Amino acid sequence: MDDDYAEAVLDLVARIPPGRAMTYGTIAEVVSDGFVAAGGAARGGPRQVGQVMSRAGGGVPWWRVVNASGAPPPRHELRALAELRAEGTPLTNDGRRVALRRAIWFPDED
């Protein structure tokens, strides 16, 4: 895994505000766009973001990163949902996924 890519992913995840979330795919797009804007090549996709998060994501708010349907990581679902609820993140009616239409965050919203 490219260290610069991993650092960019973790920096972006650290910026997601409480009560908001991003998908693996959205993170991949934003990070790759940053590399292209800096004169580099596009890098990685959702799977690569997942690899970064599984290997080095413990120090950032990993629970704010969900899949395209709004579901948190399966192995950490209960803890992630508890963290999301504590932050007031909008969830679906069944309480098992993030309501992405209301909770999605993009870095240009800062």
C-alpha atoms as a PDB file:
ATOM      1  CA  MET A   1       0.000   0.000   0.000  1.00  0.00           C
ATOM      2  CA  ASP A   2       1.262   3.443  -0.954  1.00  0.00           C
ATOM      3  CA  ASP A   3       2.135   5.413   2.217  1.00  0.00           C
ATOM      4  CA  ASP A   4       1.090   8.745   0.656  1.00  0.00           C
ATOM      5  CA  TYR A   5      -2.281   7.286  -0.314  1.00  0.00           C
ATOM      6  CA  ALA A   6      -2.829   5.808   3.148  1.00  0.00           C
ATOM      7  CA  GLU A   7      -1.919   9.121   4.782  1.00  0.00           C
ATOM      8  CA  ALA A   8      -4.337  11.009   2.515  1.00  0.00           C
ATOM      9  CA  VAL A   9      -7.159   8.575   3.365  1.00  0.00           C
ATOM     10  CA  LEU A  10      -6.534   8.822   7.105  1.00  0.00           C
ATOM     11  CA  ASP A  11      -6.262  12.627   6.970  1.00  0.00           C
ATOM     12  CA  LEU A  12      -9.612  12.840   5.185  1.00  0.00           C
ATOM     13  CA  VAL A  13     -11.339  10.444   7.599  1.00  0.00           C
ATOM     14  CA  ALA A  14     -10.004  12.488  10.530  1.00  0.00           C
ATOM     15  CA  ARG A  15     -11.807  15.531   9.088  1.00  0.00           C
ATOM     16  CA  ILE A  16     -15.282  13.938   8.931  1.00  0.00           C
ATOM     17  CA  PRO A  17     -17.325  15.852  11.512  1.00  0.00           C
ATOM     18  CA  PRO A  18     -19.307  14.114  14.259  1.00  0.00           C
ATOM     19  CA  GLY A  19     -22.802  13.241  13.091  1.00  0.00           C
ATOM     20  CA  ARG A  20     -21.691  12.874   9.467  1.00  0.00           C
ATOM     21  CA  ALA A  21     -20.313  10.012   7.357  1.00  0.00           C
ATOM     22  CA  MET A  22     -18.559   9.197   4.095  1.00  0.00           C
ATOM     23  CA  THR A  23     -18.565   6.054   1.987  1.00  0.00           C
ATOM     24  CA  TYR A  24     -15.458   4.139   1.021  1.00  0.00           C
ATOM     25  CA  GLY A  25     -16.120   5.083  -2.609  1.00  0.00           C
ATOM     26  CA  THR A  26     -16.501   8.783  -1.902  1.00  0.00           C
ATOM     27  CA  ILE A  27     -13.261   8.793   0.077  1.00  0.00           C
ATOM     28  CA  ALA A  28     -11.496   7.038  -2.825  1.00  0.00           C
ATOM     29  CA  GLU A  29     -12.797   9.651  -5.289  1.00  0.00           C
ATOM     30  CA  VAL A  30     -11.813  12.625  -3.139  1.00  0.00           C
ATOM     31  CA  VAL A  31      -8.337  11.259  -2.405  1.00  0.00           C
ATOM     32  CA  SER A  32      -7.694  10.315  -6.047  1.00  0.00           C
ATOM     33  CA  ASP A  33      -8.896  13.736  -7.214  1.00  0.00           C
ATOM     34  CA  GLY A  34      -6.371  15.295  -4.836  1.00  0.00           C
ATOM     35  CA  PHE A  35      -3.528  13.285  -6.340  1.00  0.00           C
ATOM     36  CA  VAL A  36      -4.619  14.191  -9.886  1.00  0.00           C
ATOM     37  CA  ALA A  37      -4.923  17.891  -8.969  1.00  0.00           C
ATOM     38  CA  ALA A  38      -1.369  17.753  -7.617  1.00  0.00           C
ATOM     39  CA  GLY A  39      -0.111  16.414 -10.939  1.00  0.00           C
ATOM     40  CA  GLY A  40      -0.125  12.745  -9.968  1.00  0.00           C
ATOM     41  CA  ALA A  41      -2.095   9.763 -11.161  1.00  0.00           C
ATOM     42  CA  ALA A  42      -5.426   8.616  -9.756  1.00  0.00           C
ATOM     43  CA  ARG A  43      -4.929   6.019  -7.034  1.00  0.00           C
ATOM     44  CA  GLY A  44      -7.076   3.395  -5.409  1.00  0.00           C
ATOM     45  CA  GLY A  45     -10.747   2.703  -5.069  1.00  0.00           C
ATOM     46  CA  PRO A  46     -13.151   1.679  -2.302  1.00  0.00           C
ATOM     47  CA  ARG A  47     -11.319  -1.585  -1.623  1.00  0.00           C
ATOM     48  CA  GLN A  48      -8.021   0.221  -1.143  1.00  0.00           C
ATOM     49  CA  VAL A  49      -9.696   2.633   1.264  1.00  0.00           C
ATOM     50  CA  GLY A  50     -11.026  -0.400   3.150  1.00  0.00           C
ATOM     51  CA  GLN A  51      -7.523  -1.851   3.326  1.00  0.00           C
ATOM     52  CA  VAL A  52      -6.130   1.396   4.725  1.00  0.00           C
ATOM     53  CA  MET A  53      -8.903   1.563   7.295  1.00  0.00           C
ATOM     54  CA  SER A  54      -8.448  -2.063   8.377  1.00  0.00           C
ATOM     55  CA  ARG A  55      -4.687  -1.739   8.715  1.00  0.00           C
ATOM     56  CA  ALA A  56      -4.260   1.766  10.097  1.00  0.00           C
ATOM     57  CA  GLY A  57      -7.668   3.316  10.796  1.00  0.00           C
ATOM     58  CA  GLY A  58      -7.750   2.820  14.555  1.00  0.00           C
ATOM     59  CA  GLY A  59      -6.577   6.358  15.295  1.00  0.00           C
ATOM     60  CA  VAL A  60      -9.288   8.121  13.279  1.00  0.00           C
ATOM     61  CA  PRO A  61     -13.108   8.063  13.585  1.00  0.00           C
ATOM     62  CA  TRP A  62     -13.397   4.862  11.526  1.00  0.00           C
ATOM     63  CA  TRP A  63     -17.086   4.426  12.417  1.00  0.00           C
ATOM     64  CA  ARG A  64     -17.899   7.420  10.178  1.00  0.00           C
ATOM     65  CA  VAL A  65     -16.848   5.405   7.115  1.00  0.00           C
ATOM     66  CA  VAL A  66     -19.597   3.190   5.722  1.00  0.00           C
ATOM     67  CA  ASN A  67     -20.339   1.216   2.579  1.00  0.00           C
ATOM     68  CA  ALA A  68     -22.520   2.506  -0.269  1.00  0.00           C
ATOM     69  CA  SER A  69     -25.711   1.344   1.487  1.00  0.00           C
ATOM     70  CA  GLY A  70     -24.740   3.142   4.722  1.00  0.00           C
ATOM     71  CA  ALA A  71     -23.765  -0.011   6.622  1.00  0.00           C
ATOM     72  CA  PRO A  72     -20.778   0.106   8.985  1.00  0.00           C
ATOM     73  CA  PRO A  73     -17.990  -2.505   8.886  1.00  0.00           C
ATOM     74  CA  PRO A  74     -19.573  -5.915   9.619  1.00  0.00           C
ATOM     75  CA  ARG A  75     -17.032  -7.019  12.219  1.00  0.00           C
ATOM     76  CA  HIS A  76     -17.451  -3.779  14.133  1.00  0.00           C
ATOM     77  CA  GLU A  77     -21.107  -3.065  13.456  1.00  0.00           C
ATOM     78  CA  LEU A  78     -22.333  -2.844  17.059  1.00  0.00           C
ATOM     79  CA  ARG A  79     -19.544  -0.526  18.205  1.00  0.00           C
ATOM     80  CA  ALA A  80     -19.824   1.621  15.075  1.00  0.00           C
ATOM     81  CA  LEU A  81     -23.586   2.010  15.478  1.00  0.00           C
ATOM     82  CA  ALA A  82     -23.146   2.935  19.142  1.00  0.00           C
ATOM     83  CA  GLU A  83     -20.601   5.614  18.205  1.00  0.00           C
ATOM     84  CA  LEU A  84     -22.827   6.921  15.400  1.00  0.00           C
ATOM     85  CA  ARG A  85     -25.868   7.091  17.693  1.00  0.00           C
ATOM     86  CA  ALA A  86     -23.846   8.891  20.374  1.00  0.00           C
ATOM     87  CA  GLU A  87     -22.854  11.519  17.809  1.00  0.00           C
ATOM     88  CA  GLY A  88     -26.430  11.984  16.617  1.00  0.00           C
ATOM     89  CA  THR A  89     -25.753  10.667  13.125  1.00  0.00           C
ATOM     90  CA  PRO A  90     -28.993  10.184  11.165  1.00  0.00           C
ATOM     91  CA  LEU A  91     -29.738   6.469  10.835  1.00  0.00           C
ATOM     92  CA  THR A  92     -32.294   4.547   8.800  1.00  0.00           C
ATOM     93  CA  ASN A  93     -35.585   3.620  10.445  1.00  0.00           C
ATOM     94  CA  ASP A  94     -34.268   0.183  11.413  1.00  0.00           C
ATOM     95  CA  GLY A  95     -31.222   1.820  13.046  1.00  0.00           C
ATOM     96  CA  ARG A  96     -28.753  -0.445  11.235  1.00  0.00           C
ATOM     97  CA  ARG A  97     -27.384   1.925   8.594  1.00  0.00           C
ATOM     98  CA  VAL A  98     -26.480   5.577   8.197  1.00  0.00           C
ATOM     99  CA  ALA A  99     -29.148   7.611   6.378  1.00  0.00           C
ATOM    100  CA  LEU A 100     -26.683   8.823   3.765  1.00  0.00           C
ATOM    101  CA  ARG A 101     -28.963  11.429   2.166  1.00  0.00           C
ATOM    102  CA  ARG A 102     -28.913  13.332   5.448  1.00  0.00           C
ATOM    103  CA  ALA A 103     -25.511  12.355   6.832  1.00  0.00           C
ATOM    104  CA  ILE A 104     -23.136  12.317   3.851  1.00  0.00           C
ATOM    105  CA  TRP A 105     -20.263  14.767   4.168  1.00  0.00           C
ATOM    106  CA  PHE A 106     -18.022  16.217   1.493  1.00  0.00           C
ATOM    107  CA  PRO A 107     -14.774  18.052   2.323  1.00  0.00           C
ATOM    108  CA  ASP A 108     -15.850  21.175   0.420  1.00  0.00           C
ATOM    109  CA  GLU A 109     -18.516  21.706   3.118  1.00  0.00           C
ATOM    110  CA  ASP A 110     -15.823  22.926   5.584  1.00  0.00           C
END
